[in-house]
C-alpha atoms as a PDB file:
ATOM      1  CA  ASN A   1     -10.536  11.884  -2.923  1.00  0.00           C
ATOM      2  CA  TYR A   2      -8.250  11.542   0.088  1.00  0.00           C
ATOM      3  CA  GLN A   3      -7.408   8.095   1.511  1.00  0.00           C
ATOM      4  CA  PRO A   4      -5.640   7.972   4.661  1.00  0.00           C
ATOM      5  CA  PRO A   5      -2.730   5.690   5.056  1.00  0.00           C
ATOM      6  CA  GLU A   6      -4.792   3.203   7.069  1.00  0.00           C
ATOM      7  CA  GLU A   7      -6.518   2.325   4.084  1.00  0.00           C
ATOM      8  CA  LEU A   8      -3.264   1.739   2.117  1.00  0.00           C
ATOM      9  CA  TYR A   9      -1.485  -0.369   5.059  1.00  0.00           C
ATOM     10  CA  SER A  10      -4.736  -2.465   5.036  1.00  0.00           C
ATOM     11  CA  TYR A  11      -4.337  -3.232   1.174  1.00  0.00           C
ATOM     12  CA  ILE A  12      -0.546  -4.106   2.041  1.00  0.00           C
ATOM     13  CA  GLY A  13      -1.518  -6.247   4.900  1.00  0.00           C
ATOM     14  CA  ILE A  14      -3.763  -8.517   2.814  1.00  0.00           C
ATOM     15  CA  HIS A  15      -1.086  -9.182   0.255  1.00  0.00           C
ATOM     16  CA  LYS A  16      -2.846  -7.520  -2.835  1.00  0.00           C
ATOM     17  CA  PRO A  17      -0.813  -5.827  -5.764  1.00  0.00           C
ATOM     18  CA  ILE A  18      -1.660  -2.175  -5.696  1.00  0.00           C
ATOM     19  CA  ILE A  19      -2.083   0.738  -7.948  1.00  0.00           C
ATOM     20  CA  ALA A  20      -1.655   3.653  -6.145  1.00  0.00           C
ATOM     21  CA  ALA A  21      -2.722   7.021  -7.707  1.00  0.00           C
ATOM     22  CA  VAL A  22      -0.729   9.171  -5.300  1.00  0.00           C
ATOM     23  CA  PRO A  23       2.009  12.028  -5.617  1.00  0.00           C
ATOM     24  CA  GLN A  24       5.596  11.407  -4.879  1.00  0.00           C
ATOM     25  CA  GLY A  25       6.162  10.888  -1.134  1.00  0.00           C
ATOM     26  CA  VAL A  26       5.967   8.576   1.601  1.00  0.00           C
ATOM     27  CA  MET A  27       2.891   6.882   0.342  1.00  0.00           C
ATOM     28  CA  SER A  28       4.333   6.260  -2.973  1.00  0.00           C
ATOM     29  CA  THR A  29       7.462   5.111  -1.529  1.00  0.00           C
ATOM     30  CA  THR A  30       5.824   2.802   0.855  1.00  0.00           C
ATOM     31  CA  VAL A  31       3.807   0.990  -1.965  1.00  0.00           C
ATOM     32  CA  GLN A  32       6.973   0.782  -4.191  1.00  0.00           C
ATOM     33  CA  ASP A  33       8.586  -0.707  -1.412  1.00  0.00           C
ATOM     34  CA  THR A  34       6.271  -4.006  -1.273  1.00  0.00           C
ATOM     35  CA  LEU A  35       7.660  -4.775  -4.674  1.00  0.00           C
ATOM     36  CA  ALA A  36       4.082  -5.555  -5.649  1.00  0.00           C
ATOM     37  CA  ALA A  37       2.457  -2.368  -6.554  1.00  0.00           C
ATOM     38  CA  LEU A  38       2.431   0.587  -9.309  1.00  0.00           C
ATOM     39  CA  VAL A  39       2.239   4.063  -8.694  1.00  0.00           C
ATOM     40  CA  SER A  40       0.343   6.417 -10.978  1.00  0.00           C
ATOM     41  CA  PRO A  41       0.300  10.354 -10.579  1.00  0.00           C
ATOM     42  CA  PRO A  42      -3.041  11.328  -9.296  1.00  0.00           C
ATOM     43  CA  GLY A  43      -5.270  12.646 -12.269  1.00  0.00           C
ATOM     44  CA  ASN A  44      -3.258  10.978 -15.120  1.00  0.00           C
ATOM     45  CA  VAL A  45      -5.505   8.477 -16.599  1.00  0.00           C
ATOM     46  CA  ASP A  46      -3.116   7.346 -19.300  1.00  0.00           C
ATOM     47  CA  ALA A  47      -0.792   6.327 -16.846  1.00  0.00           C
ATOM     48  CA  MET A  48      -3.397   4.612 -14.757  1.00  0.00           C
ATOM     49  CA  ALA A  49      -4.936   2.852 -17.930  1.00  0.00           C
ATOM     50  CA  THR A  50      -1.187   1.713 -18.451  1.00  0.00           C
ATOM     51  CA  ALA A  51      -1.004   0.275 -14.759  1.00  0.00           C
ATOM     52  CA  ILE A  52      -4.147  -1.483 -15.216  1.00  0.00           C
ATOM     53  CA  GLY A  53      -3.152  -2.997 -18.605  1.00  0.00           C
ATOM     54  CA  GLU A  54      -0.028  -4.058 -16.887  1.00  0.00           C
ATOM     55  CA  TYR A  55      -1.773  -5.807 -14.028  1.00  0.00           C
ATOM     56  CA  TYR A  56      -4.390  -7.504 -16.397  1.00  0.00           C
ATOM     57  CA  ARG A  57      -1.698  -8.865 -18.367  1.00  0.00           C
ATOM     58  CA  GLN A  58       0.182 -10.300 -15.534  1.00  0.00           C
ATOM     59  CA  TRP A  59      -3.068 -11.670 -14.265  1.00  0.00           C
ATOM     60  CA  LEU A  60      -3.660 -13.559 -17.552  1.00  0.00           C
ATOM     61  CA  ASN A  61       0.054 -14.856 -17.422  1.00  0.00           C
ATOM     62  CA  ARG A  62      -0.637 -15.638 -13.623  1.00  0.00           C
ATOM     63  CA  SER A  63       2.297 -13.829 -13.022  1.00  0.00           C
ATOM     64  CA  LEU A  64       0.929 -11.091 -10.537  1.00  0.00           C
ATOM     65  CA  PRO A  65       3.591  -9.603  -8.339  1.00  0.00           C
ATOM     66  CA  VAL A  66       3.453 -11.012  -4.328  1.00  0.00           C
ATOM     67  CA  PRO A  67       4.591  -8.534  -1.840  1.00  0.00           C
ATOM     68  CA  LYS A  68       7.659  -9.148   0.148  1.00  0.00           C
ATOM     69  CA  GLU A  69       6.534 -11.196   3.400  1.00  0.00           C
ATOM     70  CA  GLN A  70       9.216  -9.424   5.434  1.00  0.00           C
ATOM     71  CA  PHE A  71       7.665  -5.914   4.450  1.00  0.00           C
ATOM     72  CA  VAL A  72       3.584  -6.902   4.417  1.00  0.00           C
ATOM     73  CA  GLU A  73       4.055  -8.497   8.316  1.00  0.00           C
ATOM     74  CA  HIS A  74       4.460  -4.735   9.664  1.00  0.00           C
ATOM     75  CA  PHE A  75       1.297  -3.711   7.812  1.00  0.00           C
ATOM     76  CA  THR A  76      -0.966  -6.907   9.302  1.00  0.00           C
ATOM     77  CA  TYR A  77      -4.010  -5.995  11.427  1.00  0.00           C
ATOM     78  CA  PRO A  78      -2.276  -7.313  14.686  1.00  0.00           C
ATOM     79  CA  ALA A  79       0.975  -5.178  13.827  1.00  0.00           C
ATOM     80  CA  LEU A  80      -1.018  -1.952  13.240  1.00  0.00           C
ATOM     81  CA  ALA A  81      -3.152  -2.559  16.180  1.00  0.00           C
ATOM     82  CA  ALA A  82      -0.151  -3.158  18.309  1.00  0.00           C
ATOM     83  CA  ASP A  83       1.439   0.383  17.053  1.00  0.00           C
ATOM     84  CA  TYR A  84      -2.038   2.057  17.695  1.00  0.00           C
ATOM     85  CA  SER A  85      -2.098   0.704  21.191  1.00  0.00           C
ATOM     86  CA  ARG A  86       1.662   1.700  21.611  1.00  0.00           C
ATOM     87  CA  GLU A  87       0.776   5.568  20.161  1.00  0.00           C
ATOM     88  CA  LEU A  88      -2.168   5.592  22.418  1.00  0.00           C
ATOM     89  CA  GLY A  89      -0.199   4.697  25.593  1.00  0.00           C
ATOM     90  CA  LEU A  90       2.385   7.452  24.690  1.00  0.00           C
ATOM     91  CA  ALA A  91      -0.164   9.868  23.955  1.00  0.00           C
ATOM     92  CA  MET A  92      -2.087   9.076  27.443  1.00  0.00           C
ATOM     93  CA  LYS A  93       1.370   9.498  29.262  1.00  0.00           C
ATOM     94  CA  LEU A  94       1.579  12.995  27.783  1.00  0.00           C
ATOM     95  CA  VAL A  95      -1.641  14.125  28.886  1.00  0.00           C
END
């Protein structure tokens, strides 16, 4: 079940810890750069269970990771809307 990057960007923008079941690549690197994400290979149930258990332990200890603010500010709705607006403007000039 493919989730577009915009969904991931929304989760980053609301400062939530993330468990991402994504292959190695841009999306896995992006979530790891938040410093508040765990990556599990797609379809690896054991790795996903381990990640869930890790976040549960952190939640119990009130030590869930907090994403880096400097990174997150690029993924807020106003920042994403500005990016989309800029890209749309560039696309309109090409037509």
